[in-house]
Full PDB file with SEQRES, HELIX, SHEET, SSBOND, CRYST1, ORIGX, SCALE, CONECT and MASTER records, all heavy atoms in Angstrom:
SEQRES   1 A   37  CYS GLY LYS VAL LEU GLY LEU ALA GLU PRO SER LEU THR          
SEQRES   2 A   37  ARG PRO ALA PRO ALA VAL LEU ALA VAL ASP ALA GLY ASN          
SEQRES   3 A   37  GLY PHE ALA HIS ALA ALA ILE ALA THR GLY LEU                  
HELIX    1 AA1 ALA A   29  GLY A   36  1                                   8    
SHEET    1 AA1 2 SER A  11  ALA A  16  0                                        
SHEET    2 AA1 2 VAL A  19  ASP A  23 -1                                        
CRYST1    1.000    1.000    1.000  90.00  90.00  90.00 P 1           1          
ORIGX1      1.000000  0.000000  0.000000        0.00000                         
ORIGX2      0.000000  1.000000  0.000000        0.00000                         
ORIGX3      0.000000  0.000000  1.000000        0.00000                         
SCALE1      1.000000  0.000000  0.000000        0.00000                         
SCALE2      0.000000  1.000000  0.000000        0.00000                         
SCALE3      0.000000  0.000000  1.000000        0.00000                         
ATOM      1  N   CYS A   1      13.353   6.892 -13.098  1.00  0.00           N  
ATOM      2  CA  CYS A   1      14.551   6.113 -12.823  1.00  0.00           C  
ATOM      3  C   CYS A   1      14.175   4.838 -12.070  1.00  0.00           C  
ATOM      4  O   CYS A   1      15.093   3.965 -11.889  1.00  0.00           O  
ATOM      5  CB  CYS A   1      15.591   6.869 -12.096  1.00  0.00           C  
ATOM      6  SG  CYS A   1      15.271   7.074 -10.302  1.00  0.00           S  
ATOM      7  N   GLY A   2      12.951   4.656 -11.741  1.00  0.00           N  
ATOM      8  CA  GLY A   2      12.574   3.398 -10.953  1.00  0.00           C  
ATOM      9  C   GLY A   2      12.713   3.324  -9.508  1.00  0.00           C  
ATOM     10  O   GLY A   2      12.539   2.300  -8.832  1.00  0.00           O  
ATOM     11  N   LYS A   3      12.986   4.520  -8.929  1.00  0.00           N  
ATOM     12  CA  LYS A   3      13.072   4.546  -7.482  1.00  0.00           C  
ATOM     13  C   LYS A   3      11.768   4.520  -6.845  1.00  0.00           C  
ATOM     14  O   LYS A   3      11.612   4.046  -5.684  1.00  0.00           O  
ATOM     15  CB  LYS A   3      13.823   5.864  -7.073  1.00  0.00           C  
ATOM     16  CG  LYS A   3      14.479   5.909  -5.682  1.00  0.00           C  
ATOM     17  CD  LYS A   3      15.256   7.027  -5.503  1.00  0.00           C  
ATOM     18  CE  LYS A   3      16.011   6.998  -4.205  1.00  0.00           C  
ATOM     19  NZ  LYS A   3      17.087   6.116  -4.095  1.00  0.00           N  
ATOM     20  N   VAL A   4      10.726   4.826  -7.530  1.00  0.00           N  
ATOM     21  CA  VAL A   4       9.335   4.589  -7.088  1.00  0.00           C  
ATOM     22  C   VAL A   4       8.691   3.987  -8.297  1.00  0.00           C  
ATOM     23  O   VAL A   4       8.825   4.477  -9.358  1.00  0.00           O  
ATOM     24  CB  VAL A   4       8.640   5.904  -6.574  1.00  0.00           C  
ATOM     25  CG1 VAL A   4       8.757   6.949  -7.690  1.00  0.00           C  
ATOM     26  CG2 VAL A   4       7.257   5.652  -6.156  1.00  0.00           C  
ATOM     27  N   LEU A   5       7.769   2.952  -7.977  1.00  0.00           N  
ATOM     28  CA  LEU A   5       7.104   2.351  -9.172  1.00  0.00           C  
ATOM     29  C   LEU A   5       5.733   2.958  -9.347  1.00  0.00           C  
ATOM     30  O   LEU A   5       4.807   2.744  -8.510  1.00  0.00           O  
ATOM     31  CB  LEU A   5       6.994   0.815  -8.816  1.00  0.00           C  
ATOM     32  CG  LEU A   5       8.250   0.076  -8.424  1.00  0.00           C  
ATOM     33  CD1 LEU A   5       8.035  -1.367  -8.323  1.00  0.00           C  
ATOM     34  CD2 LEU A   5       9.298   0.355  -9.559  1.00  0.00           C  
ATOM     35  N   GLY A   6       5.620   3.636 -10.392  1.00  0.00           N  
ATOM     36  CA  GLY A   6       4.375   4.475 -10.712  1.00  0.00           C  
ATOM     37  C   GLY A   6       3.059   3.617 -10.939  1.00  0.00           C  
ATOM     38  O   GLY A   6       2.019   4.163 -10.791  1.00  0.00           O  
ATOM     39  N   LEU A   7       3.216   2.295 -11.338  1.00  0.00           N  
ATOM     40  CA  LEU A   7       2.127   1.446 -11.614  1.00  0.00           C  
ATOM     41  C   LEU A   7       1.820   0.488 -10.482  1.00  0.00           C  
ATOM     42  O   LEU A   7       1.059  -0.412 -10.677  1.00  0.00           O  
ATOM     43  CB  LEU A   7       2.336   0.667 -12.864  1.00  0.00           C  
ATOM     44  CG  LEU A   7       2.640   1.653 -14.204  1.00  0.00           C  
ATOM     45  CD1 LEU A   7       2.889   0.679 -15.422  1.00  0.00           C  
ATOM     46  CD2 LEU A   7       1.430   2.552 -14.432  1.00  0.00           C  
ATOM     47  N   ALA A   8       2.461   0.747  -9.335  1.00  0.00           N  
ATOM     48  CA  ALA A   8       2.201  -0.186  -8.157  1.00  0.00           C  
ATOM     49  C   ALA A   8       0.743  -0.136  -7.782  1.00  0.00           C  
ATOM     50  O   ALA A   8       0.086   0.979  -7.849  1.00  0.00           O  
ATOM     51  CB  ALA A   8       3.168   0.292  -7.065  1.00  0.00           C  
ATOM     52  N   GLU A   9       0.281  -1.265  -7.380  1.00  0.00           N  
ATOM     53  CA  GLU A   9      -1.099  -1.375  -6.865  1.00  0.00           C  
ATOM     54  C   GLU A   9      -1.099  -1.864  -5.469  1.00  0.00           C  
ATOM     55  O   GLU A   9      -0.638  -2.999  -5.130  1.00  0.00           O  
ATOM     56  CB  GLU A   9      -1.895  -2.369  -7.657  1.00  0.00           C  
ATOM     57  CG  GLU A   9      -2.091  -1.941  -9.214  1.00  0.00           C  
ATOM     58  CD  GLU A   9      -2.996  -2.941  -9.983  1.00  0.00           C  
ATOM     59  OE1 GLU A   9      -3.423  -3.853  -9.254  1.00  0.00           O  
ATOM     60  OE2 GLU A   9      -3.131  -2.679 -11.158  1.00  0.00           O  
ATOM     61  N   PRO A  10      -1.406  -1.021  -4.452  1.00  0.00           N  
ATOM     62  CA  PRO A  10      -1.306  -1.246  -3.061  1.00  0.00           C  
ATOM     63  C   PRO A  10      -2.165  -2.623  -2.671  1.00  0.00           C  
ATOM     64  O   PRO A  10      -3.295  -2.758  -3.323  1.00  0.00           O  
ATOM     65  CB  PRO A  10      -1.955  -0.099  -2.375  1.00  0.00           C  
ATOM     66  CG  PRO A  10      -1.761   0.976  -3.309  1.00  0.00           C  
ATOM     67  CD  PRO A  10      -1.807   0.468  -4.682  1.00  0.00           C  
ATOM     68  N   SER A  11      -1.687  -3.461  -1.879  1.00  0.00           N  
ATOM     69  CA  SER A  11      -2.307  -4.723  -1.579  1.00  0.00           C  
ATOM     70  C   SER A  11      -2.767  -4.635  -0.101  1.00  0.00           C  
ATOM     71  O   SER A  11      -1.937  -4.558   0.781  1.00  0.00           O  
ATOM     72  CB  SER A  11      -1.440  -5.965  -1.778  1.00  0.00           C  
ATOM     73  OG  SER A  11      -1.967  -7.199  -1.304  1.00  0.00           O  
ATOM     74  N   LEU A  12      -4.065  -4.720   0.275  1.00  0.00           N  
ATOM     75  CA  LEU A  12      -4.682  -4.610   1.571  1.00  0.00           C  
ATOM     76  C   LEU A  12      -4.976  -5.965   2.126  1.00  0.00           C  
ATOM     77  O   LEU A  12      -5.520  -6.824   1.486  1.00  0.00           O  
ATOM     78  CB  LEU A  12      -5.852  -3.798   1.505  1.00  0.00           C  
ATOM     79  CG  LEU A  12      -6.590  -3.641   2.826  1.00  0.00           C  
ATOM     80  CD1 LEU A  12      -5.921  -2.861   3.849  1.00  0.00           C  
ATOM     81  CD2 LEU A  12      -8.045  -2.998   2.587  1.00  0.00           C  
ATOM     82  N   THR A  13      -4.459  -6.260   3.432  1.00  0.00           N  
ATOM     83  CA  THR A  13      -4.813  -7.507   4.058  1.00  0.00           C  
ATOM     84  C   THR A  13      -5.279  -7.061   5.472  1.00  0.00           C  
ATOM     85  O   THR A  13      -5.097  -5.981   5.966  1.00  0.00           O  
ATOM     86  CB  THR A  13      -3.584  -8.438   4.181  1.00  0.00           C  
ATOM     87  OG1 THR A  13      -2.530  -7.741   4.827  1.00  0.00           O  
ATOM     88  CG2 THR A  13      -3.168  -9.008   2.816  1.00  0.00           C  
ATOM     89  N   ARG A  14      -5.913  -8.085   6.148  1.00  0.00           N  
ATOM     90  CA  ARG A  14      -6.410  -7.859   7.457  1.00  0.00           C  
ATOM     91  C   ARG A  14      -5.887  -8.941   8.479  1.00  0.00           C  
ATOM     92  O   ARG A  14      -6.580  -9.917   8.644  1.00  0.00           O  
ATOM     93  CB  ARG A  14      -7.892  -7.757   7.458  1.00  0.00           C  
ATOM     94  CG  ARG A  14      -8.511  -7.211   8.851  1.00  0.00           C  
ATOM     95  CD  ARG A  14     -10.020  -6.728   8.561  1.00  0.00           C  
ATOM     96  NE  ARG A  14     -10.500  -5.842   9.588  1.00  0.00           N  
ATOM     97  CZ  ARG A  14     -11.408  -4.973   9.498  1.00  0.00           C  
ATOM     98  NH1 ARG A  14     -12.053  -4.766   8.342  1.00  0.00           N  
ATOM     99  NH2 ARG A  14     -11.779  -4.222  10.425  1.00  0.00           N  
ATOM    100  N   PRO A  15      -4.744  -8.810   9.003  1.00  0.00           N  
ATOM    101  CA  PRO A  15      -4.092 -10.000   9.773  1.00  0.00           C  
ATOM    102  C   PRO A  15      -4.932 -10.156  11.124  1.00  0.00           C  
ATOM    103  O   PRO A  15      -4.853 -11.282  11.577  1.00  0.00           O  
ATOM    104  CB  PRO A  15      -2.768  -9.382  10.141  1.00  0.00           C  
ATOM    105  CG  PRO A  15      -2.461  -8.326   9.170  1.00  0.00           C  
ATOM    106  CD  PRO A  15      -3.732  -7.707   8.844  1.00  0.00           C  
ATOM    107  N   ALA A  16      -5.669  -9.129  11.648  1.00  0.00           N  
ATOM    108  CA  ALA A  16      -6.529  -9.296  12.895  1.00  0.00           C  
ATOM    109  C   ALA A  16      -7.638  -8.417  12.752  1.00  0.00           C  
ATOM    110  O   ALA A  16      -7.654  -7.563  11.949  1.00  0.00           O  
ATOM    111  CB  ALA A  16      -5.601  -8.970  14.073  1.00  0.00           C  
ATOM    112  N   PRO A  17      -8.755  -8.650  13.388  1.00  0.00           N  
ATOM    113  CA  PRO A  17      -9.991  -7.856  13.375  1.00  0.00           C  
ATOM    114  C   PRO A  17      -9.705  -6.205  13.359  1.00  0.00           C  
ATOM    115  O   PRO A  17     -10.379  -5.465  12.713  1.00  0.00           O  
ATOM    116  CB  PRO A  17     -10.780  -8.239  14.552  1.00  0.00           C  
ATOM    117  CG  PRO A  17     -10.404  -9.571  14.814  1.00  0.00           C  
ATOM    118  CD  PRO A  17      -8.808  -9.680  14.462  1.00  0.00           C  
ATOM    119  N   ALA A  18      -8.732  -5.851  14.330  1.00  0.00           N  
ATOM    120  CA  ALA A  18      -8.446  -4.386  14.300  1.00  0.00           C  
ATOM    121  C   ALA A  18      -7.166  -4.020  13.688  1.00  0.00           C  
ATOM    122  O   ALA A  18      -6.629  -2.833  13.946  1.00  0.00           O  
ATOM    123  CB  ALA A  18      -8.473  -3.940  15.816  1.00  0.00           C  
ATOM    124  N   VAL A  19      -6.532  -4.816  12.881  1.00  0.00           N  
ATOM    125  CA  VAL A  19      -5.229  -4.607  12.289  1.00  0.00           C  
ATOM    126  C   VAL A  19      -5.398  -4.624  10.697  1.00  0.00           C  
ATOM    127  O   VAL A  19      -5.835  -5.631  10.188  1.00  0.00           O  
ATOM    128  CB  VAL A  19      -4.185  -5.524  12.700  1.00  0.00           C  
ATOM    129  CG1 VAL A  19      -2.859  -5.206  11.985  1.00  0.00           C  
ATOM    130  CG2 VAL A  19      -3.996  -5.444  14.216  1.00  0.00           C  
ATOM    131  N   LEU A  20      -4.982  -3.528  10.083  1.00  0.00           N  
ATOM    132  CA  LEU A  20      -4.926  -3.517   8.612  1.00  0.00           C  
ATOM    133  C   LEU A  20      -3.554  -3.332   8.136  1.00  0.00           C  
ATOM    134  O   LEU A  20      -2.785  -2.772   8.877  1.00  0.00           O  
ATOM    135  CB  LEU A  20      -5.664  -2.282   8.047  1.00  0.00           C  
ATOM    136  CG  LEU A  20      -7.211  -2.238   8.156  1.00  0.00           C  
ATOM    137  CD1 LEU A  20      -7.881  -3.402   7.591  1.00  0.00           C  
ATOM    138  CD2 LEU A  20      -7.638  -1.973   9.599  1.00  0.00           C  
ATOM    139  N   ALA A  21      -3.107  -4.057   7.085  1.00  0.00           N  
ATOM    140  CA  ALA A  21      -1.766  -4.006   6.554  1.00  0.00           C  
ATOM    141  C   ALA A  21      -1.925  -3.689   5.011  1.00  0.00           C  
ATOM    142  O   ALA A  21      -2.716  -4.252   4.314  1.00  0.00           O  
ATOM    143  CB  ALA A  21      -1.052  -5.226   6.866  1.00  0.00           C  
ATOM    144  N   VAL A  22      -1.002  -2.788   4.557  1.00  0.00           N  
ATOM    145  CA  VAL A  22      -0.992  -2.491   3.160  1.00  0.00           C  
ATOM    146  C   VAL A  22       0.526  -2.646   2.649  1.00  0.00           C  
ATOM    147  O   VAL A  22       1.330  -1.983   3.230  1.00  0.00           O  
ATOM    148  CB  VAL A  22      -1.522  -1.120   2.794  1.00  0.00           C  
ATOM    149  CG1 VAL A  22      -1.348  -0.804   1.348  1.00  0.00           C  
ATOM    150  CG2 VAL A  22      -2.972  -0.946   3.215  1.00  0.00           C  
ATOM    151  N   ASP A  23       0.714  -3.413   1.647  1.00  0.00           N  
ATOM    152  CA  ASP A  23       1.955  -3.514   0.957  1.00  0.00           C  
ATOM    153  C   ASP A  23       1.849  -2.444  -0.152  1.00  0.00           C  
ATOM    154  O   ASP A  23       1.054  -2.682  -1.060  1.00  0.00           O  
ATOM    155  CB  ASP A  23       2.263  -4.844   0.374  1.00  0.00           C  
ATOM    156  CG  ASP A  23       3.721  -5.026  -0.064  1.00  0.00           C  
ATOM    157  OD1 ASP A  23       4.213  -4.003  -0.741  1.00  0.00           O  
ATOM    158  OD2 ASP A  23       4.242  -6.063  -0.019  1.00  0.00           O  
ATOM    159  N   ALA A  24       2.620  -1.381  -0.162  1.00  0.00           N  
ATOM    160  CA  ALA A  24       2.557  -0.282  -1.123  1.00  0.00           C  
ATOM    161  C   ALA A  24       3.164  -0.741  -2.426  1.00  0.00           C  
ATOM    162  O   ALA A  24       2.984  -0.005  -3.414  1.00  0.00           O  
ATOM    163  CB  ALA A  24       3.257   0.988  -0.638  1.00  0.00           C  
ATOM    164  N   GLY A  25       3.891  -1.936  -2.520  1.00  0.00           N  
ATOM    165  CA  GLY A  25       4.490  -2.332  -3.740  1.00  0.00           C  
ATOM    166  C   GLY A  25       5.539  -1.415  -4.263  1.00  0.00           C  
ATOM    167  O   GLY A  25       5.829  -1.348  -5.489  1.00  0.00           O  
ATOM    168  N   ASN A  26       6.187  -0.547  -3.409  1.00  0.00           N  
ATOM    169  CA  ASN A  26       7.191   0.381  -3.749  1.00  0.00           C  
ATOM    170  C   ASN A  26       6.632   1.484  -4.577  1.00  0.00           C  
ATOM    171  O   ASN A  26       7.376   2.147  -5.275  1.00  0.00           O  
ATOM    172  CB  ASN A  26       8.425  -0.208  -4.473  1.00  0.00           C  
ATOM    173  CG  ASN A  26       9.195  -1.154  -3.458  1.00  0.00           C  
ATOM    174  OD1 ASN A  26       9.605  -0.658  -2.412  1.00  0.00           O  
ATOM    175  ND2 ASN A  26       9.498  -2.311  -3.856  1.00  0.00           N  
ATOM    176  N   GLY A  27       5.364   1.773  -4.430  1.00  0.00           N  
ATOM    177  CA  GLY A  27       4.657   2.932  -4.992  1.00  0.00           C  
ATOM    178  C   GLY A  27       4.726   4.086  -3.987  1.00  0.00           C  
ATOM    179  O   GLY A  27       5.340   4.005  -2.958  1.00  0.00           O  
ATOM    180  N   PHE A  28       4.041   5.178  -4.300  1.00  0.00           N  
ATOM    181  CA  PHE A  28       4.019   6.284  -3.323  1.00  0.00           C  
ATOM    182  C   PHE A  28       3.141   5.891  -2.167  1.00  0.00           C  
ATOM    183  O   PHE A  28       2.196   5.188  -2.206  1.00  0.00           O  
ATOM    184  CB  PHE A  28       3.280   7.535  -4.090  1.00  0.00           C  
ATOM    185  CG  PHE A  28       4.086   8.100  -5.201  1.00  0.00           C  
ATOM    186  CD1 PHE A  28       3.803   8.099  -6.568  1.00  0.00           C  
ATOM    187  CD2 PHE A  28       5.325   8.781  -4.878  1.00  0.00           C  
ATOM    188  CE1 PHE A  28       4.560   8.704  -7.467  1.00  0.00           C  
ATOM    189  CE2 PHE A  28       6.087   9.376  -5.832  1.00  0.00           C  
ATOM    190  CZ  PHE A  28       5.726   9.301  -7.125  1.00  0.00           C  
ATOM    191  N   ALA A  29       3.586   6.376  -1.021  1.00  0.00           N  
ATOM    192  CA  ALA A  29       2.956   6.099   0.158  1.00  0.00           C  
ATOM    193  C   ALA A  29       1.531   6.629   0.289  1.00  0.00           C  
ATOM    194  O   ALA A  29       0.625   6.094   0.888  1.00  0.00           O  
ATOM    195  CB  ALA A  29       3.678   6.681   1.457  1.00  0.00           C  
ATOM    196  N   HIS A  30       1.255   7.660  -0.483  1.00  0.00           N  
ATOM    197  CA  HIS A  30      -0.150   8.363  -0.358  1.00  0.00           C  
ATOM    198  C   HIS A  30      -1.145   7.395  -0.925  1.00  0.00           C  
ATOM    199  O   HIS A  30      -2.173   7.282  -0.416  1.00  0.00           O  
ATOM    200  CB  HIS A  30      -0.029   9.607  -1.332  1.00  0.00           C  
ATOM    201  CG  HIS A  30       0.790  10.734  -0.842  1.00  0.00           C  
ATOM    202  ND1 HIS A  30       2.130  10.655  -0.787  1.00  0.00           N  
ATOM    203  CD2 HIS A  30       0.532  11.959  -0.307  1.00  0.00           C  
ATOM    204  CE1 HIS A  30       2.769  11.690  -0.273  1.00  0.00           C  
ATOM    205  NE2 HIS A  30       1.680  12.474   0.115  1.00  0.00           N  
ATOM    206  N   ALA A  31      -0.805   6.658  -2.047  1.00  0.00           N  
ATOM    207  CA  ALA A  31      -1.829   5.679  -2.513  1.00  0.00           C  
ATOM    208  C   ALA A  31      -2.155   4.502  -1.564  1.00  0.00           C  
ATOM    209  O   ALA A  31      -3.226   4.095  -1.383  1.00  0.00           O  
ATOM    210  CB  ALA A  31      -1.373   5.145  -3.919  1.00  0.00           C  
ATOM    211  N   ALA A  32      -1.110   4.100  -0.872  1.00  0.00           N  
ATOM    212  CA  ALA A  32      -1.154   3.078   0.111  1.00  0.00           C  
ATOM    213  C   ALA A  32      -1.972   3.517   1.306  1.00  0.00           C  
ATOM    214  O   ALA A  32      -2.850   2.821   1.763  1.00  0.00           O  
ATOM    215  CB  ALA A  32       0.256   2.559   0.483  1.00  0.00           C  
ATOM    216  N   ILE A  33      -1.654   4.711   1.745  1.00  0.00           N  
ATOM    217  CA  ILE A  33      -2.501   5.213   2.785  1.00  0.00           C  
ATOM    218  C   ILE A  33      -3.925   5.492   2.507  1.00  0.00           C  
ATOM    219  O   ILE A  33      -4.811   5.118   3.243  1.00  0.00           O  
ATOM    220  CB  ILE A  33      -1.766   6.559   3.330  1.00  0.00           C  
ATOM    221  CG1 ILE A  33      -0.427   6.211   3.863  1.00  0.00           C  
ATOM    222  CG2 ILE A  33      -2.682   7.245   4.454  1.00  0.00           C  
ATOM    223  CD1 ILE A  33       0.437   7.599   4.095  1.00  0.00           C  
ATOM    224  N   ALA A  34      -4.166   5.958   1.249  1.00  0.00           N  
ATOM    225  CA  ALA A  34      -5.574   6.161   0.781  1.00  0.00           C  
ATOM    226  C   ALA A  34      -6.382   4.755   0.727  1.00  0.00           C  
ATOM    227  O   ALA A  34      -7.500   4.802   0.988  1.00  0.00           O  
ATOM    228  CB  ALA A  34      -5.539   6.805  -0.474  1.00  0.00           C  
ATOM    229  N   THR A  35      -5.636   3.728   0.487  1.00  0.00           N  
ATOM    230  CA  THR A  35      -6.191   2.364   0.441  1.00  0.00           C  
ATOM    231  C   THR A  35      -6.557   1.929   1.850  1.00  0.00           C  
ATOM    232  O   THR A  35      -7.618   1.336   2.075  1.00  0.00           O  
ATOM    233  CB  THR A  35      -5.310   1.360  -0.158  1.00  0.00           C  
ATOM    234  OG1 THR A  35      -5.053   1.801  -1.604  1.00  0.00           O  
ATOM    235  CG2 THR A  35      -5.817  -0.122  -0.227  1.00  0.00           C  
ATOM    236  N   GLY A  36      -5.544   2.239   2.855  1.00  0.00           N  
ATOM    237  CA  GLY A  36      -5.773   1.642   4.212  1.00  0.00           C  
ATOM    238  C   GLY A  36      -6.681   2.501   5.075  1.00  0.00           C  
ATOM    239  O   GLY A  36      -7.257   2.016   6.041  1.00  0.00           O  
ATOM    240  N   LEU A  37      -6.864   3.777   4.907  1.00  0.00           N  
ATOM    241  CA  LEU A  37      -7.405   4.680   5.811  1.00  0.00           C  
ATOM    242  C   LEU A  37      -8.969   4.403   6.098  1.00  0.00           C  
ATOM    243  O   LEU A  37      -9.555   4.276   7.117  1.00  0.00           O  
ATOM    244  CB  LEU A  37      -7.399   6.191   5.479  1.00  0.00           C  
ATOM    245  CG  LEU A  37      -6.045   6.769   5.937  1.00  0.00           C  
ATOM    246  CD1 LEU A  37      -6.107   8.344   5.683  1.00  0.00           C  
ATOM    247  CD2 LEU A  37      -5.728   6.465   7.430  1.00  0.00           C  
TER     248      LEU A  37                                                      
MASTER        0    0    0    1    2    0    0    6  247    1    0    3          
END                                                                             
């Protein structure tokens, strides 16, 4: 139904040396967390 976007690609940025940020793109949190950990 589109409540979660199955083809989303998490986008990783580094706003500061010790700070990571991931935009999950409305996909599952698991994929975004796997990208950022």
